[in-house]
Amino acid sequence: MFINHPKRVAQYKAITFMVLLACSIGIGLAGSFIMATIHHAEIGFWLGLSIVFVAIFTFFWAMLGLVFSVIQYNNA
């Protein structure tokens, strides 16, 4: 049975978190665009604001996962 080397596993995790980081930036920009184009009294503005909040949450945890994956890669 083939078992991955710990450095390879950490590298895969780092790549996954980098992709998640890029997606969170894109989602945040989309939510910001929604907020910029819709009046603040409409429900769409508040949906855009919640999308930005989800993007900030995702960005934070993706960055944290990326840091831990790089540390794990260096220690393996």
N, C-alpha and C. Protein backbone atom coordinates (compact mmCIF):
# COMPACT_ATOMS: atom_id res chain seq x y z
N MET A 1 0.84 -1.17 0.00
CA MET A 1 0.00 0.00 0.00
C MET A 1 0.89 1.24 0.00
N PHE A 2 0.49 2.23 -0.77
CA PHE A 2 1.27 3.46 -0.89
C PHE A 2 0.87 4.43 0.22
N ILE A 3 1.86 4.94 0.95
CA ILE A 3 1.62 5.91 2.01
C ILE A 3 2.36 7.19 1.64
N ASN A 4 1.64 8.31 1.66
CA ASN A 4 2.26 9.60 1.33
C ASN A 4 3.27 10.01 2.39
N HIS A 5 4.30 10.67 1.94
CA HIS A 5 5.30 11.25 2.85
C HIS A 5 4.66 12.45 3.55
N PRO A 6 4.98 12.69 4.82
CA PRO A 6 4.37 13.82 5.55
C PRO A 6 4.58 15.18 4.87
N LYS A 7 5.72 15.36 4.18
CA LYS A 7 5.92 16.63 3.47
C LYS A 7 4.93 16.78 2.32
N ARG A 8 4.63 15.66 1.64
CA ARG A 8 3.68 15.71 0.53
C ARG A 8 2.28 16.03 1.05
N VAL A 9 1.90 15.44 2.17
CA VAL A 9 0.59 15.72 2.76
C VAL A 9 0.49 17.19 3.15
N ALA A 10 1.54 17.73 3.78
CA ALA A 10 1.55 19.14 4.15
C ALA A 10 1.51 20.04 2.92
N GLN A 11 2.17 19.61 1.86
CA GLN A 11 2.14 20.39 0.62
C GLN A 11 0.74 20.41 0.02
N TYR A 12 0.05 19.28 0.03
CA TYR A 12 -1.33 19.23 -0.47
C TYR A 12 -2.26 20.10 0.36
N LYS A 13 -2.06 20.07 1.68
CA LYS A 13 -2.88 20.92 2.54
C LYS A 13 -2.60 22.39 2.27
N ALA A 14 -1.34 22.75 2.08
CA ALA A 14 -1.00 24.15 1.80
C ALA A 14 -1.63 24.62 0.49
N ILE A 15 -1.60 23.77 -0.52
CA ILE A 15 -2.20 24.12 -1.80
C ILE A 15 -3.72 24.30 -1.64
N THR A 16 -4.34 23.40 -0.87
CA THR A 16 -5.78 23.50 -0.65
C THR A 16 -6.13 24.80 0.07
N PHE A 17 -5.35 25.16 1.08
CA PHE A 17 -5.63 26.40 1.81
C PHE A 17 -5.34 27.63 0.96
N MET A 18 -4.36 27.55 0.05
CA MET A 18 -4.12 28.68 -0.86
C MET A 18 -5.30 28.89 -1.80
N VAL A 19 -5.86 27.80 -2.30
CA VAL A 19 -7.04 27.91 -3.17
C VAL A 19 -8.22 28.47 -2.38
N LEU A 20 -8.40 28.02 -1.15
CA LEU A 20 -9.47 28.53 -0.31
C LEU A 20 -9.26 30.01 -0.01
N LEU A 21 -8.02 30.42 0.17
CA LEU A 21 -7.70 31.82 0.40
C LEU A 21 -8.07 32.67 -0.81
N ALA A 22 -7.73 32.19 -2.00
CA ALA A 22 -8.07 32.92 -3.23
C ALA A 22 -9.59 33.00 -3.41
N CYS A 23 -10.29 31.93 -3.09
CA CYS A 23 -11.76 31.94 -3.21
C CYS A 23 -12.38 32.92 -2.22
N SER A 24 -11.83 32.99 -1.02
CA SER A 24 -12.39 33.92 -0.04
C SER A 24 -12.17 35.37 -0.47
N ILE A 25 -11.05 35.64 -1.11
CA ILE A 25 -10.81 37.00 -1.62
C ILE A 25 -11.82 37.32 -2.73
N GLY A 26 -12.05 36.37 -3.61
CA GLY A 26 -13.03 36.58 -4.68
C GLY A 26 -14.44 36.77 -4.15
N ILE A 27 -14.81 35.98 -3.16
CA ILE A 27 -16.14 36.12 -2.57
C ILE A 27 -16.28 37.47 -1.87
N GLY A 28 -15.21 37.89 -1.19
CA GLY A 28 -15.24 39.19 -0.53
C GLY A 28 -15.38 40.34 -1.52
N LEU A 29 -14.68 40.23 -2.64
CA LEU A 29 -14.81 41.26 -3.67
C LEU A 29 -16.21 41.28 -4.28
N ALA A 30 -16.79 40.10 -4.47
CA ALA A 30 -18.15 40.03 -5.01
C ALA A 30 -19.15 40.64 -4.03
N GLY A 31 -19.00 40.34 -2.74
CA GLY A 31 -19.88 40.94 -1.75
C GLY A 31 -19.72 42.45 -1.67
N SER A 32 -18.48 42.91 -1.80
CA SER A 32 -18.23 44.36 -1.80
C SER A 32 -18.86 45.03 -3.01
N PHE A 33 -18.79 44.35 -4.16
CA PHE A 33 -19.42 44.90 -5.37
C PHE A 33 -20.93 44.98 -5.19
N ILE A 34 -21.52 43.94 -4.59
CA ILE A 34 -22.96 43.96 -4.34
C ILE A 34 -23.32 45.13 -3.43
N MET A 35 -22.54 45.33 -2.39
CA MET A 35 -22.82 46.42 -1.45
C MET A 35 -22.65 47.79 -2.11
N ALA A 36 -21.73 47.89 -3.05
CA ALA A 36 -21.48 49.18 -3.70
C ALA A 36 -22.56 49.53 -4.71
N THR A 37 -23.23 48.53 -5.25
CA THR A 37 -24.19 48.80 -6.33
C THR A 37 -25.65 48.82 -5.86
N ILE A 38 -25.92 48.34 -4.67
CA ILE A 38 -27.30 48.28 -4.19
C ILE A 38 -27.48 49.26 -3.04
N HIS A 39 -28.62 49.93 -3.01
CA HIS A 39 -28.91 50.90 -1.96
C HIS A 39 -29.00 50.18 -0.61
N HIS A 40 -28.58 50.86 0.46
CA HIS A 40 -28.48 50.22 1.77
C HIS A 40 -29.83 49.88 2.40
N ALA A 41 -30.91 50.38 1.86
CA ALA A 41 -32.22 50.08 2.41
C ALA A 41 -32.80 48.78 1.85
N GLU A 42 -32.17 48.22 0.83
CA GLU A 42 -32.69 47.00 0.22
C GLU A 42 -32.03 45.76 0.84
N ILE A 43 -32.72 44.64 0.71
CA ILE A 43 -32.24 43.40 1.31
C ILE A 43 -30.95 42.92 0.64
N GLY A 44 -30.75 43.22 -0.62
CA GLY A 44 -29.55 42.80 -1.33
C GLY A 44 -28.28 43.35 -0.71
N PHE A 45 -28.36 44.56 -0.19
CA PHE A 45 -27.20 45.15 0.47
C PHE A 45 -26.80 44.33 1.68
N TRP A 46 -27.78 43.93 2.46
CA TRP A 46 -27.51 43.17 3.68
C TRP A 46 -27.04 41.75 3.35
N LEU A 47 -27.52 41.22 2.25
CA LEU A 47 -26.99 39.92 1.79
C LEU A 47 -25.52 40.07 1.36
N GLY A 48 -25.20 41.16 0.69
CA GLY A 48 -23.82 41.42 0.32
C GLY A 48 -22.93 41.59 1.55
N LEU A 49 -23.46 42.25 2.57
CA LEU A 49 -22.71 42.41 3.81
C LEU A 49 -22.45 41.07 4.49
N SER A 50 -23.45 40.20 4.47
CA SER A 50 -23.25 38.87 5.07
C SER A 50 -22.26 38.05 4.26
N ILE A 51 -22.25 38.22 2.95
CA ILE A 51 -21.26 37.54 2.11
C ILE A 51 -19.85 38.02 2.46
N VAL A 52 -19.69 39.32 2.69
CA VAL A 52 -18.39 39.85 3.08
C VAL A 52 -17.96 39.29 4.43
N PHE A 53 -18.90 39.16 5.36
CA PHE A 53 -18.57 38.58 6.67
C PHE A 53 -18.13 37.13 6.54
N VAL A 54 -18.80 36.37 5.69
CA VAL A 54 -18.39 34.98 5.46
C VAL A 54 -17.00 34.93 4.82
N ALA A 55 -16.72 35.85 3.92
CA ALA A 55 -15.41 35.91 3.27
C ALA A 55 -14.31 36.25 4.29
N ILE A 56 -14.59 37.15 5.21
CA ILE A 56 -13.60 37.50 6.23
C ILE A 56 -13.34 36.30 7.13
N PHE A 57 -14.39 35.60 7.53
CA PHE A 57 -14.26 34.40 8.35
C PHE A 57 -13.44 33.33 7.62
N THR A 58 -13.76 33.11 6.36
CA THR A 58 -13.04 32.11 5.56
C THR A 58 -11.59 32.51 5.36
N PHE A 59 -11.34 33.79 5.10
CA PHE A 59 -9.97 34.26 4.92
C PHE A 59 -9.13 34.01 6.17
N PHE A 60 -9.69 34.32 7.33
CA PHE A 60 -8.95 34.13 8.58
C PHE A 60 -8.57 32.67 8.78
N TRP A 61 -9.53 31.76 8.64
CA TRP A 61 -9.25 30.35 8.89
C TRP A 61 -8.39 29.74 7.80
N ALA A 62 -8.52 30.19 6.56
CA ALA A 62 -7.65 29.69 5.49
C ALA A 62 -6.21 30.14 5.70
N MET A 63 -6.03 31.37 6.16
CA MET A 63 -4.68 31.86 6.44
C MET A 63 -4.07 31.09 7.61
N LEU A 64 -4.87 30.82 8.63
CA LEU A 64 -4.38 30.06 9.77
C LEU A 64 -4.00 28.63 9.35
N GLY A 65 -4.83 28.00 8.54
CA GLY A 65 -4.52 26.67 8.04
C GLY A 65 -3.28 26.65 7.17
N LEU A 66 -3.11 27.69 6.37
CA LEU A 66 -1.93 27.78 5.52
C LEU A 66 -0.66 27.92 6.36
N VAL A 67 -0.71 28.73 7.39
CA VAL A 67 0.45 28.90 8.26
C VAL A 67 0.81 27.58 8.92
N PHE A 68 -0.18 26.86 9.44
CA PHE A 68 0.09 25.58 10.09
C PHE A 68 0.59 24.54 9.09
N SER A 69 0.10 24.57 7.87
CA SER A 69 0.58 23.63 6.86
C SER A 69 2.03 23.91 6.49
N VAL A 70 2.41 25.18 6.40
CA VAL A 70 3.80 25.52 6.10
C VAL A 70 4.70 25.11 7.26
N ILE A 71 4.25 25.32 8.49
CA ILE A 71 5.03 24.89 9.65
C ILE A 71 5.18 23.37 9.64
N GLN A 72 4.10 22.66 9.34
CA GLN A 72 4.15 21.20 9.29
C GLN A 72 5.09 20.74 8.16
N TYR A 73 5.08 21.43 7.05
CA TYR A 73 5.97 21.09 5.94
C TYR A 73 7.44 21.26 6.34
N ASN A 74 7.73 22.35 7.05
CA ASN A 74 9.13 22.62 7.45
C ASN A 74 9.61 21.65 8.53
N ASN A 75 8.70 21.15 9.35
CA ASN A 75 9.09 20.24 10.43
C ASN A 75 9.13 18.79 10.01
N ALA A 76 8.57 18.46 8.86
CA ALA A 76 8.54 17.05 8.43
C ALA A 76 9.85 16.60 7.84
